[in-house]
Amino acid sequence: MAEGVQHGHVRKTRLNRLRTLFPFTDERRATVFDRFGHDDEGSEDPGDAPEADMIPTVEDPSERLRVEGPSVRDYSEVDADPELQKEFWAQVLLFNIALFCLSLGIMLVVFRGQWTFGGGLLAIGLFAFGRGYRRYRSVQKD
């Protein structure tokens, strides 16, 4: 029992010190708050507000941004000369064959030592590249 009286005395002394340091102008009673803003008796202090009230409202900045996309010319209506289109696709095919045969031929010769097959692919690749380059130069002259 002496402990309870002594504990109460310590609490009153603490409250008196708080009243001296922080006098309250309204008629609220002074309470001792813990470090989270809650008192030990469960007051209606804003520190006791539910967490849902403490969530800030955030404005979405993308609602204010209006980005205009670049305008692009519609090329579906522009047709090239059919002969030029045919020449273009023929050169694409020739240079694709040249690239494939040259790269595979070099790998077969260097890594596997297959001189016959790799050498043949190298020859085909060089021929396709030469033929494509010659056709390209002839179209450029016209």
N, C-alpha and C. Protein backbone atom coordinates (compact mmCIF):
# COMPACT_ATOMS: atom_id res chain seq x y z
N MET A 1 0.81 -1.18 0.00
CA MET A 1 0.00 0.00 0.00
C MET A 1 0.86 1.26 0.00
N ALA A 2 1.94 1.19 0.68
CA ALA A 2 2.86 2.33 0.72
C ALA A 2 3.41 2.61 -0.68
N GLU A 3 3.56 1.53 -1.48
CA GLU A 3 4.05 1.70 -2.84
C GLU A 3 3.06 2.50 -3.68
N GLY A 4 1.77 2.19 -3.57
CA GLY A 4 0.74 2.89 -4.33
C GLY A 4 0.68 4.36 -3.97
N VAL A 5 0.83 4.67 -2.69
CA VAL A 5 0.81 6.07 -2.25
C VAL A 5 2.04 6.79 -2.79
N GLN A 6 3.17 6.11 -2.74
CA GLN A 6 4.41 6.71 -3.21
C GLN A 6 4.35 6.94 -4.73
N HIS A 7 3.78 5.97 -5.48
CA HIS A 7 3.65 6.09 -6.93
C HIS A 7 2.74 7.26 -7.28
N GLY A 8 1.65 7.41 -6.56
CA GLY A 8 0.74 8.53 -6.79
C GLY A 8 1.39 9.86 -6.51
N HIS A 9 2.24 9.89 -5.47
CA HIS A 9 2.95 11.12 -5.13
C HIS A 9 3.92 11.52 -6.25
N VAL A 10 4.61 10.54 -6.82
CA VAL A 10 5.54 10.82 -7.92
C VAL A 10 4.78 11.36 -9.12
N ARG A 11 3.61 10.79 -9.42
CA ARG A 11 2.80 11.24 -10.55
C ARG A 11 2.33 12.67 -10.35
N LYS A 12 1.90 13.01 -9.14
CA LYS A 12 1.45 14.39 -8.86
C LYS A 12 2.60 15.37 -8.97
N THR A 13 3.76 14.97 -8.50
CA THR A 13 4.93 15.84 -8.59
C THR A 13 5.28 16.08 -10.06
N ARG A 14 5.20 15.06 -10.86
CA ARG A 14 5.49 15.17 -12.30
C ARG A 14 4.49 16.10 -12.97
N LEU A 15 3.21 15.96 -12.62
CA LEU A 15 2.18 16.82 -13.21
C LEU A 15 2.38 18.27 -12.78
N ASN A 16 2.75 18.48 -11.53
CA ASN A 16 2.98 19.86 -11.07
C ASN A 16 4.15 20.49 -11.82
N ARG A 17 5.21 19.72 -12.07
CA ARG A 17 6.33 20.25 -12.85
C ARG A 17 5.88 20.61 -14.26
N LEU A 18 5.06 19.73 -14.87
CA LEU A 18 4.57 20.00 -16.24
C LEU A 18 3.69 21.24 -16.26
N ARG A 19 2.85 21.41 -15.25
CA ARG A 19 1.99 22.61 -15.20
C ARG A 19 2.82 23.87 -15.05
N THR A 20 3.93 23.75 -14.34
CA THR A 20 4.80 24.91 -14.17
C THR A 20 5.50 25.25 -15.48
N LEU A 21 5.99 24.22 -16.17
CA LEU A 21 6.71 24.46 -17.41
C LEU A 21 5.78 24.81 -18.57
N PHE A 22 4.64 24.13 -18.65
CA PHE A 22 3.70 24.32 -19.76
C PHE A 22 2.32 24.62 -19.21
N PRO A 23 2.04 25.84 -18.85
CA PRO A 23 0.71 26.15 -18.31
C PRO A 23 -0.34 26.07 -19.41
N PHE A 24 -1.45 25.43 -19.14
CA PHE A 24 -2.54 25.29 -20.10
C PHE A 24 -3.53 26.41 -19.88
N THR A 25 -3.89 27.11 -20.95
CA THR A 25 -4.81 28.23 -20.82
C THR A 25 -6.25 27.75 -20.79
N ASP A 26 -6.56 26.65 -21.47
CA ASP A 26 -7.93 26.13 -21.43
C ASP A 26 -8.09 25.26 -20.20
N GLU A 27 -9.24 24.76 -20.02
CA GLU A 27 -9.57 24.01 -18.82
C GLU A 27 -9.22 22.53 -18.94
N ARG A 28 -8.44 22.16 -19.96
CA ARG A 28 -8.03 20.76 -20.08
C ARG A 28 -7.13 20.41 -18.93
N ARG A 29 -7.16 19.16 -18.61
CA ARG A 29 -6.23 18.77 -17.55
C ARG A 29 -4.92 18.35 -18.21
N ALA A 30 -3.86 18.60 -17.53
CA ALA A 30 -2.53 18.27 -18.04
C ALA A 30 -2.33 16.78 -17.93
N THR A 31 -1.89 16.18 -19.01
CA THR A 31 -1.62 14.76 -19.00
C THR A 31 -0.20 14.53 -19.47
N VAL A 32 0.33 13.40 -19.12
CA VAL A 32 1.68 13.04 -19.52
C VAL A 32 1.56 12.19 -20.77
N PHE A 33 2.16 12.68 -21.87
CA PHE A 33 2.11 11.97 -23.13
C PHE A 33 3.38 11.15 -23.30
N ASP A 34 3.22 9.98 -23.91
CA ASP A 34 4.42 9.20 -24.23
C ASP A 34 5.05 9.76 -25.50
N ARG A 35 6.10 9.16 -25.99
CA ARG A 35 6.82 9.72 -27.13
C ARG A 35 6.04 9.64 -28.43
N PHE A 36 4.91 8.90 -28.47
CA PHE A 36 4.09 8.80 -29.67
C PHE A 36 2.88 9.74 -29.61
N GLY A 37 2.76 10.55 -28.56
CA GLY A 37 1.66 11.49 -28.45
C GLY A 37 0.42 10.91 -27.79
N HIS A 38 0.51 9.75 -27.17
CA HIS A 38 -0.63 9.15 -26.49
C HIS A 38 -0.47 9.35 -25.00
N ASP A 39 -1.56 9.68 -24.34
CA ASP A 39 -1.45 9.73 -22.88
C ASP A 39 -1.79 8.37 -22.30
N ASP A 40 -1.51 8.21 -21.05
CA ASP A 40 -1.70 6.90 -20.43
C ASP A 40 -3.15 6.63 -20.07
N GLU A 41 -4.06 7.60 -20.29
CA GLU A 41 -5.46 7.38 -19.96
C GLU A 41 -6.36 7.33 -21.19
N GLY A 42 -5.80 7.44 -22.39
CA GLY A 42 -6.58 7.33 -23.63
C GLY A 42 -7.40 8.55 -23.94
N SER A 43 -6.82 9.73 -23.98
CA SER A 43 -7.57 10.96 -24.22
C SER A 43 -7.95 11.06 -25.69
N GLU A 44 -8.68 12.10 -26.04
CA GLU A 44 -9.11 12.36 -27.41
C GLU A 44 -8.11 13.28 -28.12
N ASP A 45 -6.87 13.11 -27.83
CA ASP A 45 -5.82 13.91 -28.44
C ASP A 45 -5.67 13.54 -29.91
N PRO A 46 -5.29 14.48 -30.79
CA PRO A 46 -5.09 14.14 -32.20
C PRO A 46 -4.07 13.03 -32.42
N GLY A 47 -3.20 12.84 -31.47
CA GLY A 47 -2.24 11.76 -31.58
C GLY A 47 -2.90 10.39 -31.54
N ASP A 48 -4.13 10.33 -31.04
CA ASP A 48 -4.87 9.07 -30.95
C ASP A 48 -5.76 8.82 -32.15
N ALA A 49 -5.69 9.67 -33.17
CA ALA A 49 -6.56 9.53 -34.34
C ALA A 49 -6.28 8.20 -35.04
N PRO A 50 -7.32 7.60 -35.63
CA PRO A 50 -7.09 6.35 -36.37
C PRO A 50 -6.15 6.60 -37.54
N GLU A 51 -5.49 5.54 -37.97
CA GLU A 51 -4.49 5.67 -39.04
C GLU A 51 -5.12 6.10 -40.36
N ALA A 52 -6.37 5.74 -40.60
CA ALA A 52 -7.03 6.11 -41.85
C ALA A 52 -7.13 7.62 -41.99
N ASP A 53 -7.28 8.35 -40.89
CA ASP A 53 -7.36 9.81 -40.96
C ASP A 53 -5.99 10.44 -41.19
N MET A 54 -4.95 9.69 -40.95
CA MET A 54 -3.60 10.24 -41.06
C MET A 54 -3.00 10.04 -42.44
N ILE A 55 -3.69 9.33 -43.35
CA ILE A 55 -3.17 9.10 -44.69
C ILE A 55 -3.34 10.39 -45.50
N PRO A 56 -2.25 10.92 -46.04
CA PRO A 56 -2.37 12.17 -46.81
C PRO A 56 -3.02 11.92 -48.16
N THR A 57 -3.67 12.93 -48.66
CA THR A 57 -4.22 12.84 -50.00
C THR A 57 -3.13 13.28 -50.97
N VAL A 58 -2.97 12.51 -52.03
CA VAL A 58 -1.92 12.77 -53.00
C VAL A 58 -2.56 13.10 -54.34
N GLU A 59 -2.12 14.19 -54.92
CA GLU A 59 -2.63 14.58 -56.23
C GLU A 59 -1.81 13.90 -57.30
N ASP A 60 -2.48 13.34 -58.28
CA ASP A 60 -1.79 12.65 -59.37
C ASP A 60 -1.27 13.68 -60.37
N PRO A 61 0.05 13.84 -60.48
CA PRO A 61 0.58 14.86 -61.39
C PRO A 61 0.35 14.56 -62.86
N SER A 62 0.07 13.30 -63.20
CA SER A 62 -0.14 12.97 -64.61
C SER A 62 -1.44 13.56 -65.14
N GLU A 63 -2.35 13.94 -64.24
CA GLU A 63 -3.59 14.55 -64.70
C GLU A 63 -3.34 15.95 -65.27
N ARG A 64 -2.30 16.60 -64.79
CA ARG A 64 -1.99 17.94 -65.28
C ARG A 64 -1.12 17.92 -66.53
N LEU A 65 -0.51 16.79 -66.83
CA LEU A 65 0.37 16.69 -67.99
C LEU A 65 -0.41 16.26 -69.22
N ARG A 66 -0.30 17.02 -70.23
CA ARG A 66 -0.91 16.67 -71.51
C ARG A 66 0.20 16.71 -72.54
N VAL A 67 0.70 15.55 -72.93
CA VAL A 67 1.80 15.48 -73.88
C VAL A 67 1.23 15.24 -75.27
N GLU A 68 1.61 16.10 -76.16
CA GLU A 68 1.19 15.96 -77.55
C GLU A 68 2.19 15.06 -78.26
N GLY A 69 1.71 14.03 -78.91
CA GLY A 69 2.58 13.14 -79.66
C GLY A 69 3.05 13.81 -80.94
N PRO A 70 4.20 13.42 -81.45
CA PRO A 70 4.69 14.04 -82.68
C PRO A 70 3.81 13.66 -83.86
N SER A 71 3.67 14.57 -84.76
CA SER A 71 2.89 14.29 -85.96
C SER A 71 3.79 13.62 -86.99
N VAL A 72 3.30 12.57 -87.59
CA VAL A 72 4.08 11.79 -88.55
C VAL A 72 3.31 11.76 -89.86
N ARG A 73 4.03 11.96 -90.92
CA ARG A 73 3.41 11.94 -92.24
C ARG A 73 2.93 10.53 -92.56
N ASP A 74 1.78 10.42 -93.16
CA ASP A 74 1.22 9.12 -93.53
C ASP A 74 1.82 8.69 -94.87
N TYR A 75 2.65 7.65 -94.80
CA TYR A 75 3.34 7.17 -96.01
C TYR A 75 2.59 6.04 -96.70
N SER A 76 1.43 5.68 -96.20
CA SER A 76 0.69 4.59 -96.83
C SER A 76 0.17 4.99 -98.21
N GLU A 77 -0.02 6.29 -98.43
CA GLU A 77 -0.53 6.75 -99.72
C GLU A 77 0.60 7.00 -100.72
N VAL A 78 1.83 7.09 -100.27
CA VAL A 78 2.96 7.36 -101.15
C VAL A 78 3.50 6.02 -101.64
N ASP A 79 3.40 5.82 -102.93
CA ASP A 79 3.90 4.57 -103.52
C ASP A 79 5.12 4.86 -104.38
N ALA A 80 6.09 3.99 -104.23
CA ALA A 80 7.29 4.11 -105.07
C ALA A 80 7.03 3.38 -106.39
N ASP A 81 7.89 3.62 -107.32
CA ASP A 81 7.82 2.96 -108.61
C ASP A 81 7.91 1.45 -108.40
N PRO A 82 7.02 0.65 -109.00
CA PRO A 82 7.06 -0.80 -108.80
C PRO A 82 8.39 -1.43 -109.20
N GLU A 83 9.04 -0.89 -110.23
CA GLU A 83 10.34 -1.43 -110.63
C GLU A 83 11.40 -1.17 -109.54
N LEU A 84 11.34 0.03 -108.93
CA LEU A 84 12.27 0.36 -107.85
C LEU A 84 12.02 -0.52 -106.62
N GLN A 85 10.75 -0.78 -106.31
CA GLN A 85 10.43 -1.68 -105.19
C GLN A 85 10.99 -3.08 -105.43
N LYS A 86 10.83 -3.58 -106.67
CA LYS A 86 11.35 -4.91 -107.01
C LYS A 86 12.86 -4.95 -106.86
N GLU A 87 13.54 -3.91 -107.32
CA GLU A 87 15.00 -3.83 -107.20
C GLU A 87 15.44 -3.77 -105.74
N PHE A 88 14.69 -3.02 -104.93
CA PHE A 88 15.01 -2.91 -103.51
C PHE A 88 14.96 -4.28 -102.83
N TRP A 89 13.88 -5.02 -103.04
CA TRP A 89 13.75 -6.33 -102.39
C TRP A 89 14.75 -7.35 -102.93
N ALA A 90 15.11 -7.21 -104.19
CA ALA A 90 16.15 -8.11 -104.75
C ALA A 90 17.49 -7.84 -104.07
N GLN A 91 17.81 -6.58 -103.85
CA GLN A 91 19.06 -6.25 -103.17
C GLN A 91 19.04 -6.66 -101.70
N VAL A 92 17.91 -6.51 -101.05
CA VAL A 92 17.80 -6.97 -99.66
C VAL A 92 18.09 -8.46 -99.60
N LEU A 93 17.51 -9.23 -100.50
CA LEU A 93 17.73 -10.68 -100.53
C LEU A 93 19.20 -11.00 -100.81
N LEU A 94 19.82 -10.32 -101.78
CA LEU A 94 21.23 -10.57 -102.11
C LEU A 94 22.15 -10.27 -100.92
N PHE A 95 21.94 -9.13 -100.27
CA PHE A 95 22.81 -8.78 -99.15
C PHE A 95 22.57 -9.67 -97.92
N ASN A 96 21.34 -10.14 -97.73
CA ASN A 96 21.09 -11.09 -96.64
C ASN A 96 21.81 -12.42 -96.90
N ILE A 97 21.75 -12.89 -98.14
CA ILE A 97 22.47 -14.13 -98.50
C ILE A 97 23.97 -13.93 -98.31
N ALA A 98 24.47 -12.79 -98.75
CA ALA A 98 25.90 -12.51 -98.63
C ALA A 98 26.32 -12.49 -97.15
N LEU A 99 25.58 -11.83 -96.33
CA LEU A 99 25.92 -11.75 -94.90
C LEU A 99 25.89 -13.12 -94.24
N PHE A 100 24.85 -13.91 -94.53
CA PHE A 100 24.73 -15.23 -93.94
C PHE A 100 25.88 -16.14 -94.38
N CYS A 101 26.12 -16.20 -95.68
CA CYS A 101 27.17 -17.10 -96.19
C CYS A 101 28.56 -16.69 -95.74
N LEU A 102 28.85 -15.40 -95.74
CA LEU A 102 30.17 -14.94 -95.29
C LEU A 102 30.40 -15.26 -93.82
N SER A 103 29.43 -14.96 -92.96
CA SER A 103 29.63 -15.19 -91.53
C SER A 103 29.70 -16.68 -91.21
N LEU A 104 28.81 -17.50 -91.79
CA LEU A 104 28.86 -18.94 -91.51
C LEU A 104 30.12 -19.58 -92.12
N GLY A 105 30.49 -19.14 -93.30
CA GLY A 105 31.70 -19.68 -93.93
C GLY A 105 32.94 -19.40 -93.10
N ILE A 106 33.08 -18.18 -92.59
CA ILE A 106 34.24 -17.83 -91.76
C ILE A 106 34.25 -18.67 -90.48
N MET A 107 33.10 -18.85 -89.86
CA MET A 107 33.06 -19.65 -88.62
C MET A 107 33.40 -21.11 -88.87
N LEU A 108 32.90 -21.66 -89.99
CA LEU A 108 33.22 -23.06 -90.29
C LEU A 108 34.72 -23.24 -90.56
N VAL A 109 35.33 -22.33 -91.26
CA VAL A 109 36.77 -22.44 -91.56
C VAL A 109 37.59 -22.25 -90.29
N VAL A 110 37.30 -21.22 -89.51
CA VAL A 110 38.13 -20.88 -88.35
C VAL A 110 37.93 -21.85 -87.19
N PHE A 111 36.68 -22.15 -86.82
CA PHE A 111 36.42 -22.93 -85.61
C PHE A 111 36.39 -24.45 -85.84
N ARG A 112 35.95 -24.87 -87.01
CA ARG A 112 35.82 -26.31 -87.23
C ARG A 112 36.82 -26.86 -88.25
N GLY A 113 37.49 -25.99 -88.94
CA GLY A 113 38.48 -26.43 -89.93
C GLY A 113 37.86 -27.06 -91.17
N GLN A 114 36.61 -26.77 -91.47
CA GLN A 114 35.94 -27.31 -92.65
C GLN A 114 36.19 -26.37 -93.84
N TRP A 115 37.33 -26.56 -94.45
CA TRP A 115 37.75 -25.68 -95.53
C TRP A 115 36.88 -25.83 -96.78
N THR A 116 36.45 -27.01 -97.08
CA THR A 116 35.69 -27.23 -98.32
C THR A 116 34.32 -26.56 -98.24
N PHE A 117 33.54 -26.92 -97.22
CA PHE A 117 32.19 -26.37 -97.10
C PHE A 117 32.25 -24.88 -96.72
N GLY A 118 33.10 -24.56 -95.76
CA GLY A 118 33.24 -23.15 -95.33
C GLY A 118 33.76 -22.28 -96.44
N GLY A 119 34.74 -22.82 -97.23
CA GLY A 119 35.28 -22.06 -98.36
C GLY A 119 34.22 -21.84 -99.43
N GLY A 120 33.38 -22.84 -99.66
CA GLY A 120 32.28 -22.69 -100.64
C GLY A 120 31.30 -21.62 -100.21
N LEU A 121 30.96 -21.61 -98.91
CA LEU A 121 30.05 -20.57 -98.40
C LEU A 121 30.69 -19.18 -98.51
N LEU A 122 31.97 -19.11 -98.25
CA LEU A 122 32.68 -17.83 -98.41
C LEU A 122 32.61 -17.34 -99.86
N ALA A 123 32.80 -18.26 -100.80
CA ALA A 123 32.75 -17.90 -102.23
C ALA A 123 31.35 -17.43 -102.60
N ILE A 124 30.32 -18.14 -102.14
CA ILE A 124 28.93 -17.74 -102.44
C ILE A 124 28.65 -16.36 -101.84
N GLY A 125 29.09 -16.14 -100.59
CA GLY A 125 28.88 -14.86 -99.92
C GLY A 125 29.56 -13.72 -100.63
N LEU A 126 30.79 -13.93 -101.07
CA LEU A 126 31.51 -12.88 -101.80
C LEU A 126 30.85 -12.58 -103.14
N PHE A 127 30.39 -13.64 -103.83
CA PHE A 127 29.72 -13.45 -105.11
C PHE A 127 28.41 -12.66 -104.90
N ALA A 128 27.61 -13.03 -103.88
CA ALA A 128 26.34 -12.34 -103.63
C ALA A 128 26.58 -10.89 -103.24
N PHE A 129 27.61 -10.66 -102.45
CA PHE A 129 27.93 -9.29 -102.07
C PHE A 129 28.36 -8.46 -103.28
N GLY A 130 29.20 -9.02 -104.12
CA GLY A 130 29.64 -8.32 -105.34
C GLY A 130 28.49 -8.04 -106.28
N ARG A 131 27.62 -9.02 -106.46
CA ARG A 131 26.47 -8.85 -107.35
C ARG A 131 25.53 -7.77 -106.81
N GLY A 132 25.28 -7.79 -105.50
CA GLY A 132 24.40 -6.78 -104.89
C GLY A 132 24.99 -5.39 -104.99
N TYR A 133 26.30 -5.28 -104.77
CA TYR A 133 26.95 -3.98 -104.86
C TYR A 133 26.91 -3.43 -106.29
N ARG A 134 27.12 -4.30 -107.28
CA ARG A 134 27.07 -3.88 -108.67
C ARG A 134 25.65 -3.42 -109.05
N ARG A 135 24.64 -4.13 -108.61
CA ARG A 135 23.25 -3.74 -108.90
C ARG A 135 22.93 -2.41 -108.22
N TYR A 136 23.42 -2.24 -107.01
CA TYR A 136 23.17 -0.99 -106.28
C TYR A 136 23.78 0.20 -107.03
N ARG A 137 25.02 0.03 -107.50
CA ARG A 137 25.67 1.13 -108.23
C ARG A 137 24.97 1.42 -109.55
N SER A 138 24.43 0.38 -110.20
CA SER A 138 23.75 0.62 -111.48
C SER A 138 22.42 1.37 -111.24
N VAL A 139 21.74 1.08 -110.14
CA VAL A 139 20.49 1.81 -109.84
C VAL A 139 20.81 3.25 -109.47
N GLN A 140 21.92 3.47 -108.77
CA GLN A 140 22.30 4.82 -108.36
C GLN A 140 22.61 5.68 -109.58
N LYS A 141 23.18 5.08 -110.64
CA LYS A 141 23.51 5.85 -111.84
C LYS A 141 22.27 6.26 -112.60
N ASP A 142 21.22 5.44 -112.52
CA ASP A 142 19.98 5.75 -113.26
C ASP A 142 19.24 6.79 -112.54
